[in-house]
Amino acid sequence: MRNKVLLLLFTLVVALSSLALAAPVKIGFINSITGPEAPIGENLTNGVTMAVEDLKKKGIDVQLMKEDDTGKPQISMSAMEKLAQDGVAGVVGPYTSACANAVAQQAMKYKVPQLVPAAAKEDITRQGFTWVYRLNAPAHNYAQALMDAAFNLGQPKSIAFIYESTDFGTSVSAAGKDYAAKKGLKIVADEAYQKGSPDYRSTLAKIKAQNPDLVFMVSYVADAILLMRQSREMGLAPQAFLGGGAGFDTAQFESEKDISNAVFSVTQWTPDMGTPGAPEFYERYNKQFGKKPTYHAACAYQAMMIMGETAAKAGGDREKVSQILDTGTWTGIMGEVKFEDYEGFTNQNKHMMPVIQYQNGKAETVFCPGKVCKVKPIYPFPGWK
């Protein structure tokens, strides 16, 4: 009888322990669900949705707490304050550089681990913030990858910059100008613009008059498409158009075949970059959402997988989550991830960025450091049809 009672008690303890382990972990997700950046925000939401599904398969139940910042830093900050009070173990997001940088201040204030999936502004991880981690490569990598690709293909002598005057645009273009100077490129135009303008023709005319070998653009979706449409109208035809990710690496831009053909864009992820599970992620995403995944989706997926696994291991304790993020290593569709301190960065993942080019309405990987790409790039720009 005594043995039966002991066995029953043991079974009960095991059952209760299993329930404790299976308890949901609260994770915040701040994203541009509505507003002008919603088309890209949708990709992040989809990536996070897939991650939550995959975490469930691993026995990790995520209680996802979504907040829409509409692309505005002040709303992002309020969202972070709310999530901190709601007891989340960590936060993934926001998307835009301005919002992610604003939330980083709050992450430090409330001591909530923040994992940035796709915002590129250099300063986000250059302020010594110990509660802020970034998965994606920062702004200078965008510029370097694109210009290295251009020099690998030809001998450009001059470059023009046109970029939106946001945290993202100014950060990537500033890094681009620094790198251009190191590469010996003559900067013949430096044009910042207010995003959302209906007409960029006068700015593009000034750039055309300088006859640059390279035109480097940094824009979100709507402006990326409009800039290329009006470049075509103006007859602007450099040796190469270089798109600084964001709006240039979207299904919307890819679908604009008349203006996207032969345009280069830097990206954080492609399905053929050789990372574990990348092709499968592409196929599954395409089937589930009826469109191809952009790097935003892949970054958000990997960030949520890391945060979910870490939060579960830490039992939802923020301090322990931070400790695991400080020392852990993860491998997945974004390759190996490790948050390191180097060259003035804190908790920054060292991520290599491939370069894509749109050919016949499809994004093809044409340059990836240390790897041989299957598709040859088109260079110089063949002109407008």
Protein backbone atom coordinates (compact mmCIF):
# COMPACT_ATOMS: atom_id res chain seq x y z
CA MET A 1 0.00 0.00 0.00
CA ARG A 2 2.82 2.37 0.96
CA ASN A 3 4.56 1.73 -2.38
CA LYS A 4 1.36 2.52 -4.26
CA VAL A 5 0.99 5.82 -2.41
CA LEU A 6 4.62 6.73 -3.14
CA LEU A 7 4.16 5.84 -6.82
CA LEU A 8 1.02 7.99 -6.96
CA LEU A 9 2.82 10.93 -5.34
CA PHE A 10 5.75 10.55 -7.72
CA THR A 11 3.42 10.48 -10.73
CA LEU A 12 1.67 13.59 -9.44
CA VAL A 13 4.97 15.45 -9.00
CA VAL A 14 6.06 14.53 -12.52
CA ALA A 15 2.71 15.63 -13.93
CA LEU A 16 2.86 18.96 -12.08
CA SER A 17 6.45 19.51 -13.25
CA SER A 18 5.40 18.89 -16.84
CA LEU A 19 2.58 21.37 -16.49
CA ALA A 20 5.00 23.93 -15.08
CA LEU A 21 7.37 23.40 -17.98
CA ALA A 22 4.51 23.73 -20.46
CA ALA A 23 3.27 27.00 -18.97
CA PRO A 24 2.96 29.72 -21.63
CA VAL A 25 5.76 32.28 -21.90
CA LYS A 26 4.75 35.86 -22.58
CA ILE A 27 6.62 37.48 -25.45
CA GLY A 28 5.93 40.94 -26.82
CA PHE A 29 5.98 41.74 -30.54
CA ILE A 30 6.06 45.38 -31.66
CA ASN A 31 5.55 45.88 -35.38
CA SER A 32 4.20 48.25 -38.03
CA ILE A 33 0.94 46.37 -38.52
CA THR A 34 -0.82 49.44 -39.95
CA GLY A 35 0.56 52.68 -41.40
CA PRO A 36 2.88 53.33 -44.35
CA GLU A 37 5.28 50.48 -43.52
CA ALA A 38 2.50 47.90 -43.11
CA PRO A 39 3.39 46.06 -46.37
CA ILE A 40 6.79 45.15 -44.92
CA GLY A 41 5.33 44.78 -41.43
CA GLU A 42 3.07 42.05 -42.78
CA ASN A 43 6.15 39.98 -43.65
CA LEU A 44 7.42 40.25 -40.09
CA THR A 45 4.03 39.26 -38.68
CA ASN A 46 3.91 36.22 -40.96
CA GLY A 47 7.41 35.17 -39.95
CA VAL A 48 6.53 35.46 -36.26
CA THR A 49 3.33 33.46 -36.82
CA MET A 50 5.35 30.60 -38.31
CA ALA A 51 7.84 30.74 -35.44
CA VAL A 52 5.08 30.51 -32.83
CA GLU A 53 3.74 27.45 -34.69
CA ASP A 54 7.18 25.81 -34.71
CA LEU A 55 7.81 26.63 -31.07
CA LYS A 56 4.49 24.93 -30.23
CA LYS A 57 5.76 21.79 -31.97
CA LYS A 58 8.77 21.91 -29.64
CA GLY A 59 6.50 22.07 -26.61
CA ILE A 60 6.95 25.82 -26.09
CA ASP A 61 3.66 27.64 -25.74
CA VAL A 62 4.11 31.32 -26.54
CA GLN A 63 1.54 33.84 -25.40
CA LEU A 64 2.22 36.41 -28.10
CA MET A 65 1.35 39.96 -27.14
CA LYS A 66 1.17 42.08 -30.32
CA GLU A 67 1.45 45.85 -30.39
CA ASP A 68 0.99 48.02 -33.49
CA ASP A 69 3.31 51.06 -33.53
CA THR A 70 2.01 52.30 -36.95
CA GLY A 71 5.64 53.16 -37.72
CA LYS A 72 5.75 55.96 -35.12
CA PRO A 73 8.48 56.00 -32.43
CA GLN A 74 6.27 57.55 -29.74
CA ILE A 75 3.70 54.79 -30.13
CA SER A 76 6.50 52.21 -30.02
CA MET A 77 7.68 53.58 -26.72
CA SER A 78 4.19 53.40 -25.26
CA ALA A 79 3.88 49.83 -26.51
CA MET A 80 7.12 48.84 -24.80
CA GLU A 81 6.01 50.42 -21.54
CA LYS A 82 2.74 48.47 -21.69
CA LEU A 83 4.49 45.19 -22.46
CA ALA A 84 6.98 45.72 -19.64
CA GLN A 85 4.10 46.18 -17.20
CA ASP A 86 2.33 43.13 -18.64
CA GLY A 87 5.27 40.97 -17.60
CA VAL A 88 6.67 39.80 -20.92
CA ALA A 89 9.90 37.81 -20.83
CA GLY A 90 11.23 39.72 -23.83
CA VAL A 91 10.26 41.71 -26.90
CA VAL A 92 10.88 41.11 -30.60
CA GLY A 93 10.84 44.26 -32.77
CA PRO A 94 10.06 46.91 -33.77
CA TYR A 95 10.64 46.96 -37.53
CA THR A 96 11.72 50.48 -38.49
CA SER A 97 15.03 51.93 -37.31
CA ALA A 98 13.40 54.98 -35.72
CA CYS A 99 11.00 52.83 -33.70
CA ALA A 100 13.60 50.20 -32.75
CA ASN A 101 15.99 52.88 -31.55
CA ALA A 102 13.29 54.55 -29.45
CA VAL A 103 12.28 51.23 -27.89
CA ALA A 104 15.91 50.46 -27.06
CA GLN A 105 15.81 53.31 -24.54
CA GLN A 106 12.74 51.73 -22.92
CA ALA A 107 14.33 48.28 -22.91
CA MET A 108 17.11 49.68 -20.75
CA LYS A 109 14.71 51.60 -18.53
CA TYR A 110 12.47 48.62 -17.78
CA LYS A 111 15.17 45.94 -18.11
CA VAL A 112 13.30 43.97 -20.75
CA PRO A 113 15.37 42.00 -23.31
CA GLN A 114 14.73 43.44 -26.79
CA LEU A 115 15.67 41.44 -29.89
CA VAL A 116 15.72 43.61 -33.02
CA PRO A 117 14.99 41.49 -36.11
CA ALA A 118 15.53 43.84 -39.06
CA ALA A 119 16.22 47.50 -38.16
CA ALA A 120 19.56 48.70 -39.55
CA LYS A 121 20.43 52.02 -37.90
CA GLU A 122 23.99 51.77 -36.60
CA ASP A 123 23.28 53.48 -33.27
CA ILE A 124 20.79 50.85 -32.09
CA THR A 125 23.61 48.59 -30.94
CA ARG A 126 26.29 51.27 -30.56
CA GLN A 127 25.02 52.83 -27.33
CA GLY A 128 26.24 50.19 -24.91
CA PHE A 129 22.68 49.01 -24.22
CA THR A 130 23.02 45.68 -22.42
CA TRP A 131 19.35 44.71 -22.75
CA VAL A 132 19.24 45.24 -26.53
CA TYR A 133 20.24 42.58 -29.07
CA ARG A 134 20.23 42.69 -32.87
CA LEU A 135 19.94 39.74 -35.24
CA ASN A 136 20.32 41.52 -38.59
CA ALA A 137 23.40 43.23 -40.00
CA PRO A 138 23.63 46.99 -39.38
CA ALA A 139 23.69 49.82 -41.93
CA HIS A 140 27.35 49.75 -42.92
CA ASN A 141 27.01 46.14 -44.09
CA TYR A 142 24.27 47.20 -46.54
CA ALA A 143 26.57 49.72 -48.18
CA GLN A 144 29.66 47.52 -48.16
CA ALA A 145 27.92 44.49 -49.68
CA LEU A 146 26.44 46.52 -52.53
CA MET A 147 29.63 48.39 -53.39
CA ASP A 148 31.78 45.28 -53.09
CA ALA A 149 29.45 43.61 -55.57
CA ALA A 150 29.74 46.58 -57.96
CA PHE A 151 33.54 46.52 -57.80
CA ASN A 152 33.51 42.79 -58.30
CA LEU A 153 31.66 43.34 -61.57
CA GLY A 154 33.21 46.52 -62.98
CA GLN A 155 35.30 49.62 -62.33
CA PRO A 156 32.85 52.37 -61.31
CA LYS A 157 34.34 55.81 -60.68
CA SER A 158 31.40 57.82 -59.33
CA ILE A 159 28.27 57.36 -57.24
CA ALA A 160 25.08 59.30 -56.45
CA PHE A 161 23.06 58.87 -53.27
CA ILE A 162 19.32 59.43 -52.96
CA TYR A 163 17.67 58.43 -49.71
CA GLU A 164 14.77 59.18 -47.42
CA SER A 165 15.54 61.41 -44.46
CA THR A 166 14.59 58.82 -41.83
CA ASP A 167 16.82 57.04 -39.34
CA PHE A 168 17.13 54.13 -41.74
CA GLY A 169 17.80 56.23 -44.84
CA THR A 170 20.35 58.54 -43.26
CA SER A 171 22.14 55.73 -41.43
CA VAL A 172 22.58 53.51 -44.50
CA SER A 173 23.51 56.42 -46.78
CA ALA A 174 26.02 57.82 -44.25
CA ALA A 175 27.70 54.41 -44.06
CA GLY A 176 27.57 54.26 -47.86
CA LYS A 177 29.28 57.63 -48.27
CA ASP A 178 32.03 56.64 -45.86
CA TYR A 179 32.66 53.38 -47.69
CA ALA A 180 32.48 55.07 -51.11
CA ALA A 181 35.26 57.44 -50.03
CA LYS A 182 37.38 54.47 -48.91
CA LYS A 183 36.83 52.79 -52.27
CA GLY A 184 37.87 55.92 -54.13
CA LEU A 185 34.43 56.63 -55.59
CA LYS A 186 33.59 60.26 -56.34
CA ILE A 187 30.29 61.26 -54.72
CA VAL A 188 28.56 63.42 -57.34
CA ALA A 189 25.16 63.72 -55.65
CA ASP A 190 23.90 63.53 -52.07
CA GLU A 191 20.10 63.91 -52.10
CA ALA A 192 17.89 63.37 -49.05
CA TYR A 193 14.11 63.54 -49.49
CA GLN A 194 10.95 63.50 -47.39
CA LYS A 195 9.35 60.11 -47.85
CA GLY A 196 5.91 59.95 -49.41
CA SER A 197 6.48 62.70 -51.96
CA PRO A 198 4.46 62.28 -55.19
CA ASP A 199 7.30 63.50 -57.42
CA TYR A 200 11.06 63.00 -57.40
CA ARG A 201 11.73 64.08 -60.98
CA SER A 202 13.62 67.28 -60.14
CA THR A 203 15.95 65.38 -57.80
CA LEU A 204 16.47 62.61 -60.35
CA ALA A 205 17.17 65.23 -63.05
CA LYS A 206 19.99 66.65 -60.90
CA ILE A 207 21.43 63.18 -60.49
CA LYS A 208 21.16 62.42 -64.20
CA ALA A 209 23.04 65.61 -65.03
CA GLN A 210 26.01 64.28 -63.02
CA ASN A 211 26.09 61.04 -65.05
CA PRO A 212 27.06 58.77 -62.11
CA ASP A 213 28.28 55.22 -62.64
CA LEU A 214 26.29 54.02 -59.62
CA VAL A 215 23.01 55.24 -58.13
CA PHE A 216 22.52 54.18 -54.52
CA MET A 217 18.91 54.41 -53.25
CA VAL A 218 17.57 53.87 -49.74
CA SER A 219 13.77 53.76 -49.50
CA TYR A 220 10.78 51.86 -48.18
CA VAL A 221 8.27 50.23 -50.55
CA ALA A 222 6.18 53.03 -52.08
CA ASP A 223 9.13 55.35 -52.65
CA ALA A 224 11.35 52.59 -54.05
CA ILE A 225 8.78 51.85 -56.73
CA LEU A 226 8.10 55.52 -57.52
CA LEU A 227 11.79 56.39 -57.70
CA MET A 228 12.42 53.65 -60.24
CA ARG A 229 9.33 54.54 -62.28
CA GLN A 230 10.46 58.14 -62.49
CA SER A 231 14.07 57.12 -63.17
CA ARG A 232 12.73 55.32 -66.21
CA GLU A 233 10.74 58.39 -67.27
CA MET A 234 13.82 60.58 -66.87
CA GLY A 235 16.05 58.14 -68.75
CA LEU A 236 18.44 57.79 -65.81
CA ALA A 237 20.66 54.83 -66.70
CA PRO A 238 23.84 54.33 -64.63
CA GLN A 239 26.05 51.28 -64.77
CA ALA A 240 24.03 49.94 -61.83
CA PHE A 241 21.11 50.83 -59.59
CA LEU A 242 21.87 49.78 -56.02
CA GLY A 243 18.88 49.40 -53.68
CA GLY A 244 19.60 49.48 -49.95
CA GLY A 245 17.28 46.65 -48.94
CA ALA A 246 13.92 47.59 -47.33
CA GLY A 247 11.52 48.54 -50.15
CA PHE A 248 13.86 47.15 -52.80
CA ASP A 249 13.63 43.65 -51.35
CA THR A 250 9.87 43.11 -51.39
CA ALA A 251 7.35 41.16 -53.42
CA GLN A 252 5.79 44.49 -54.44
CA PHE A 253 9.04 45.75 -55.97
CA GLU A 254 9.80 42.41 -57.59
CA SER A 255 6.37 42.38 -59.26
CA GLU A 256 7.11 45.70 -61.00
CA LYS A 257 9.01 43.94 -63.80
CA ASP A 258 9.30 46.98 -66.05
CA ILE A 259 11.30 48.89 -63.45
CA SER A 260 12.90 46.22 -61.27
CA ASN A 261 14.81 44.36 -63.98
CA ALA A 262 18.60 44.38 -63.42
CA VAL A 263 18.29 46.39 -60.18
CA PHE A 264 20.58 45.16 -57.39
CA SER A 265 19.49 45.02 -53.77
CA VAL A 266 21.28 43.96 -50.65
CA THR A 267 19.37 41.56 -48.44
CA GLN A 268 19.66 39.82 -45.08
CA TRP A 269 18.48 36.44 -46.35
CA THR A 270 17.76 34.38 -49.44
CA PRO A 271 16.43 30.82 -49.65
CA ASP A 272 19.53 29.71 -51.55
CA MET A 273 22.21 31.11 -49.24
CA GLY A 274 22.97 27.67 -47.80
CA THR A 275 21.61 28.08 -44.27
CA PRO A 276 19.78 25.19 -42.52
CA GLY A 277 16.09 24.99 -43.40
CA ALA A 278 16.09 28.06 -45.67
CA PRO A 279 14.58 26.39 -48.78
CA GLU A 280 11.94 24.64 -46.65
CA PHE A 281 11.04 27.93 -44.95
CA TYR A 282 10.61 29.53 -48.37
CA GLU A 283 8.31 26.81 -49.64
CA ARG A 284 6.23 26.65 -46.49
CA TYR A 285 5.83 30.43 -46.29
CA ASN A 286 4.85 30.61 -49.96
CA LYS A 287 2.24 27.90 -49.48
CA GLN A 288 0.86 29.37 -46.25
CA PHE A 289 0.65 33.02 -47.29
CA GLY A 290 0.55 32.86 -51.09
CA LYS A 291 3.69 34.96 -51.60
CA LYS A 292 7.45 34.68 -51.27
CA PRO A 293 9.07 35.50 -47.94
CA THR A 294 11.34 38.54 -47.81
CA TYR A 295 14.30 38.84 -45.50
CA HIS A 296 12.02 40.66 -43.06
CA ALA A 297 9.98 37.48 -42.63
CA ALA A 298 13.08 35.32 -42.21
CA CYS A 299 14.62 37.70 -39.67
CA ALA A 300 11.40 37.90 -37.66
CA TYR A 301 11.02 34.12 -37.73
CA GLN A 302 14.56 33.51 -36.48
CA ALA A 303 14.30 36.26 -33.84
CA MET A 304 11.07 34.82 -32.43
CA MET A 305 12.49 31.29 -32.43
CA ILE A 306 15.49 32.51 -30.43
CA MET A 307 13.39 34.56 -28.02
CA GLY A 308 10.83 31.77 -27.56
CA GLU A 309 13.41 29.07 -26.85
CA THR A 310 15.37 31.37 -24.56
CA ALA A 311 12.31 32.56 -22.61
CA ALA A 312 11.15 28.97 -22.09
CA LYS A 313 14.61 27.90 -20.90
CA ALA A 314 14.72 30.87 -18.53
CA GLY A 315 11.24 30.20 -17.18
CA GLY A 316 10.16 33.66 -18.30
CA ASP A 317 12.70 35.40 -16.04
CA ARG A 318 14.01 38.50 -17.84
CA GLU A 319 17.40 38.48 -16.14
CA LYS A 320 17.96 34.86 -17.13
CA VAL A 321 16.73 35.55 -20.68
CA SER A 322 19.36 38.27 -20.96
CA GLN A 323 22.08 36.00 -19.59
CA ILE A 324 21.26 33.27 -22.13
CA LEU A 325 21.20 35.77 -25.00
CA ASP A 326 24.59 37.04 -23.85
CA THR A 327 26.25 33.63 -24.07
CA GLY A 328 24.17 31.47 -26.40
CA THR A 329 24.64 30.40 -30.01
CA TRP A 330 21.83 29.43 -32.38
CA THR A 331 21.79 27.98 -35.89
CA GLY A 332 18.82 28.28 -38.24
CA ILE A 333 17.60 29.84 -41.46
CA MET A 334 19.71 32.97 -40.80
CA GLY A 335 22.83 30.89 -40.26
CA GLU A 336 24.77 30.96 -37.01
CA VAL A 337 23.63 33.63 -34.57
CA LYS A 338 25.75 34.90 -31.71
CA PHE A 339 25.42 38.29 -30.04
CA GLU A 340 28.85 39.83 -29.62
CA ASP A 341 30.59 43.04 -28.61
CA TYR A 342 32.96 44.29 -31.33
CA GLU A 343 34.04 47.52 -33.06
CA GLY A 344 31.84 49.64 -30.82
CA PHE A 345 28.80 47.38 -31.15
CA THR A 346 27.12 45.69 -28.18
CA ASN A 347 25.13 42.45 -28.53
CA GLN A 348 25.36 42.59 -32.33
CA ASN A 349 25.16 39.44 -34.45
CA LYS A 350 27.84 39.29 -37.17
CA HIS A 351 25.80 38.56 -40.26
CA MET A 352 27.02 38.36 -43.86
CA MET A 353 24.65 39.93 -46.40
CA PRO A 354 24.13 38.55 -49.91
CA VAL A 355 23.21 40.71 -52.92
CA ILE A 356 20.30 39.92 -55.20
CA GLN A 357 19.42 41.15 -58.67
CA TYR A 358 16.03 41.10 -60.31
CA GLN A 359 16.16 39.13 -63.54
CA ASN A 360 13.04 38.35 -65.58
CA GLY A 361 10.77 39.19 -62.66
CA LYS A 362 12.63 37.07 -60.11
CA ALA A 363 15.12 37.90 -57.37
CA GLU A 364 18.34 35.96 -57.98
CA THR A 365 21.27 35.74 -55.57
CA VAL A 366 24.26 37.01 -57.55
CA PHE A 367 26.85 37.89 -54.93
CA CYS A 368 27.55 36.28 -51.58
CA PRO A 369 31.02 36.64 -49.99
CA GLY A 370 32.89 33.37 -49.88
CA LYS A 371 30.36 31.49 -52.02
CA VAL A 372 29.83 30.80 -55.70
CA CYS A 373 26.40 31.88 -56.95
CA LYS A 374 24.56 29.86 -59.59
CA VAL A 375 23.18 32.90 -61.42
CA LYS A 376 25.41 35.40 -63.19
CA PRO A 377 24.69 39.10 -62.65
CA ILE A 378 23.70 41.47 -65.44
CA TYR A 379 26.24 44.31 -65.57
CA PRO A 380 26.23 47.04 -66.65
CA PHE A 381 22.59 48.08 -66.56
CA PRO A 382 21.21 47.20 -70.02
CA GLY A 383 19.03 50.31 -70.33
CA TRP A 384 15.26 50.78 -70.32
CA LYS A 385 12.85 48.96 -72.59
